[in-house]
Amino acid sequence: MRMDIPPLGERRAIDRNLAGFFREVRPSLFQRALTRLCRYYSLKRPRVEWYEYLDWGKTAGKTFEDGRICLVHPDNWKRGRVYNSERLWVQTVYHELGHYLLWADPERKADAFAYRMIRGLRAPARRDGRAPGRRKGRAESSGMSVRTRSAAGKHAR
């Protein structure tokens, strides 16, 4: 599945505004982030409703077919959860915006959207063209063939 997401600079600005809203609770920061994202996709901004909790504290956000998004407000998120981090709240917002943007196959696409929005935000850029954290192992550098296990359980070369 190919997914169109905003360029890295735009995603960083959106992420900065959402994190700022979580810390400072300034509604203008949230509106700015939402406006930038909706402008990129040429969509009208969804109506966002804030709640203390949803589904007896089990759910952090909910998106409806009419375009309405219900979210747990950051003040309540900080108070009532075991995992009350800023990153989890921002990821929840991305997930619900993914539902708003991608209606077909909602759960899988919303999760993929949230993952791709976050990817590359925190990692420093590598100059050698390799992915961060990936080093050549002994097998790769020595020219040896690497054996992998296939789904049938047999070794493939």
Protein backbone atom coordinates (compact mmCIF):
# COMPACT_ATOMS: atom_id res chain seq x y z
CA MET A 1 0.00 0.00 0.00
CA ARG A 2 1.43 3.36 -1.01
CA MET A 3 0.60 6.24 1.30
CA ASP A 4 1.04 9.95 0.66
CA ILE A 5 2.32 11.73 3.77
CA PRO A 6 3.56 15.32 4.19
CA PRO A 7 7.28 16.00 3.69
CA LEU A 8 9.57 15.74 6.70
CA GLY A 9 9.75 19.50 7.35
CA GLU A 10 5.96 19.75 7.40
CA ARG A 11 5.65 16.69 9.68
CA ARG A 12 8.19 18.20 12.09
CA ALA A 13 6.18 21.43 12.27
CA ILE A 14 2.95 19.50 12.88
CA ASP A 15 4.62 17.36 15.54
CA ARG A 16 6.14 20.43 17.24
CA ASN A 17 2.71 22.09 17.42
CA LEU A 18 1.02 18.97 18.86
CA ALA A 19 3.77 18.50 21.47
CA GLY A 20 3.56 22.21 22.35
CA PHE A 21 -0.20 21.92 22.78
CA PHE A 22 0.28 18.93 25.10
CA ARG A 23 2.75 20.89 27.26
CA GLU A 24 1.22 24.38 27.24
CA VAL A 25 -2.45 23.60 26.44
CA ARG A 26 -2.70 26.50 23.98
CA PRO A 27 -5.56 25.71 21.57
CA SER A 28 -3.95 27.77 18.80
CA LEU A 29 -1.08 25.25 18.58
CA PHE A 30 -3.48 22.35 18.10
CA GLN A 31 -5.48 24.29 15.50
CA ARG A 32 -2.27 25.17 13.64
CA ALA A 33 -1.19 21.52 13.49
CA LEU A 34 -4.63 20.41 12.31
CA THR A 35 -4.80 23.18 9.71
CA ARG A 36 -1.39 22.29 8.27
CA LEU A 37 -2.30 18.63 7.96
CA CYS A 38 -5.69 19.30 6.41
CA ARG A 39 -4.24 21.87 4.01
CA TYR A 40 -1.73 19.27 2.77
CA TYR A 41 -4.53 16.79 2.04
CA SER A 42 -6.97 19.47 0.78
CA LEU A 43 -9.60 18.50 3.35
CA LYS A 44 -11.75 20.58 5.62
CA ARG A 45 -10.76 20.53 9.26
CA PRO A 46 -12.58 17.95 11.38
CA ARG A 47 -14.62 18.98 14.39
CA VAL A 48 -12.69 17.99 17.51
CA GLU A 49 -14.45 17.45 20.82
CA TRP A 50 -12.51 17.18 24.08
CA TYR A 51 -13.39 14.73 26.84
CA GLU A 52 -12.13 13.74 30.27
CA TYR A 53 -12.32 10.07 29.30
CA LEU A 54 -13.89 7.87 26.62
CA ASP A 55 -15.34 4.38 27.13
CA TRP A 56 -14.61 4.39 30.88
CA GLY A 57 -10.96 5.24 30.32
CA LYS A 58 -10.27 2.43 27.84
CA THR A 59 -10.17 4.59 24.71
CA ALA A 60 -8.05 7.68 24.05
CA GLY A 61 -9.75 8.82 20.86
CA LYS A 62 -12.63 8.04 18.56
CA THR A 63 -13.43 9.10 14.99
CA PHE A 64 -16.95 9.06 13.59
CA GLU A 65 -18.20 8.79 10.02
CA ASP A 66 -19.45 12.37 10.04
CA GLY A 67 -15.85 13.60 10.49
CA ARG A 68 -16.12 14.32 14.20
CA ILE A 69 -13.11 13.36 16.33
CA CYS A 70 -13.38 12.85 20.09
CA LEU A 71 -10.10 13.04 22.03
CA VAL A 72 -9.07 12.91 25.66
CA HIS A 73 -7.81 16.38 26.59
CA PRO A 74 -4.08 16.56 27.52
CA ASP A 75 -4.87 17.74 31.08
CA ASN A 76 -6.98 14.64 31.66
CA TRP A 77 -4.46 12.44 29.83
CA LYS A 78 -1.69 13.56 32.21
CA ARG A 79 -3.84 12.84 35.27
CA GLY A 80 -5.66 9.62 34.69
CA ARG A 81 -3.31 7.21 32.91
CA VAL A 82 -0.50 4.91 33.84
CA TYR A 83 1.19 5.65 30.50
CA ASN A 84 0.68 9.40 30.42
CA SER A 85 3.51 10.47 28.14
CA GLU A 86 3.38 13.24 25.59
CA ARG A 87 4.51 10.88 22.79
CA LEU A 88 1.63 8.48 23.39
CA TRP A 89 -0.90 11.31 23.28
CA VAL A 90 0.58 12.71 20.03
CA GLN A 91 0.57 9.21 18.52
CA THR A 92 -3.09 8.84 19.52
CA VAL A 93 -3.89 12.11 17.73
CA TYR A 94 -2.08 10.84 14.61
CA HIS A 95 -4.00 7.59 14.81
CA GLU A 96 -7.36 9.34 14.94
CA LEU A 97 -6.36 11.72 12.14
CA GLY A 98 -5.40 8.63 10.16
CA HIS A 99 -8.97 7.39 10.62
CA TYR A 100 -10.26 10.74 9.41
CA LEU A 101 -8.04 10.69 6.31
CA LEU A 102 -8.28 7.01 5.36
CA TRP A 103 -11.76 5.55 5.62
CA ALA A 104 -11.24 2.15 3.93
CA ASP A 105 -9.59 -0.52 6.11
CA PRO A 106 -9.44 1.95 8.99
CA GLU A 107 -7.42 0.28 11.76
CA ARG A 108 -4.50 -0.94 9.66
CA LYS A 109 -4.25 2.29 7.68
CA ALA A 110 -4.55 4.51 10.77
CA ASP A 111 -1.75 2.59 12.48
CA ALA A 112 0.42 2.81 9.35
CA PHE A 113 -0.27 6.54 9.07
CA ALA A 114 0.66 7.16 12.73
CA TYR A 115 3.88 5.14 12.32
CA ARG A 116 4.92 6.96 9.14
CA MET A 117 4.17 10.41 10.57
CA ILE A 118 6.57 9.72 13.45
CA ARG A 119 9.29 7.94 11.43
CA GLY A 120 12.34 10.13 10.91
CA LEU A 121 11.35 12.89 13.32
CA ARG A 122 13.83 12.13 16.10
CA ALA A 123 16.64 10.25 14.34
CA PRO A 124 19.59 12.29 13.05
CA ALA A 125 20.21 12.11 9.32
CA ARG A 126 22.96 9.71 8.19
CA ARG A 127 25.47 10.92 5.64
CA ASP A 128 26.53 7.51 4.34
CA GLY A 129 23.06 6.61 3.00
CA ARG A 130 22.44 3.68 5.32
CA ALA A 131 19.46 3.42 7.61
CA PRO A 132 20.22 4.55 11.21
CA GLY A 133 21.26 1.74 13.53
CA ARG A 134 22.11 -0.72 10.76
CA ARG A 135 25.69 -1.94 10.65
CA LYS A 136 27.31 -4.51 8.44
CA GLY A 137 27.49 -7.84 10.19
CA ARG A 138 30.31 -10.35 9.82
CA ALA A 139 28.38 -12.39 7.25
CA GLU A 140 27.66 -9.36 5.05
CA SER A 141 31.16 -7.94 5.13
CA SER A 142 32.93 -11.26 4.49
CA GLY A 143 30.87 -12.19 1.46
CA MET A 144 29.37 -15.30 3.13
CA SER A 145 25.85 -16.28 2.19
CA VAL A 146 23.27 -15.65 4.87
CA ARG A 147 20.67 -18.34 5.52
CA THR A 148 17.13 -17.27 6.29
CA ARG A 149 14.18 -19.37 7.32
CA SER A 150 11.20 -19.34 4.96
CA ALA A 151 7.56 -19.67 5.96
CA ALA A 152 7.61 -23.41 5.14
CA GLY A 153 10.39 -23.95 7.69
CA LYS A 154 13.08 -24.85 5.15
CA HIS A 155 16.28 -22.87 4.75
CA ALA A 156 16.56 -20.63 1.69
CA ARG A 157 19.74 -19.14 0.26
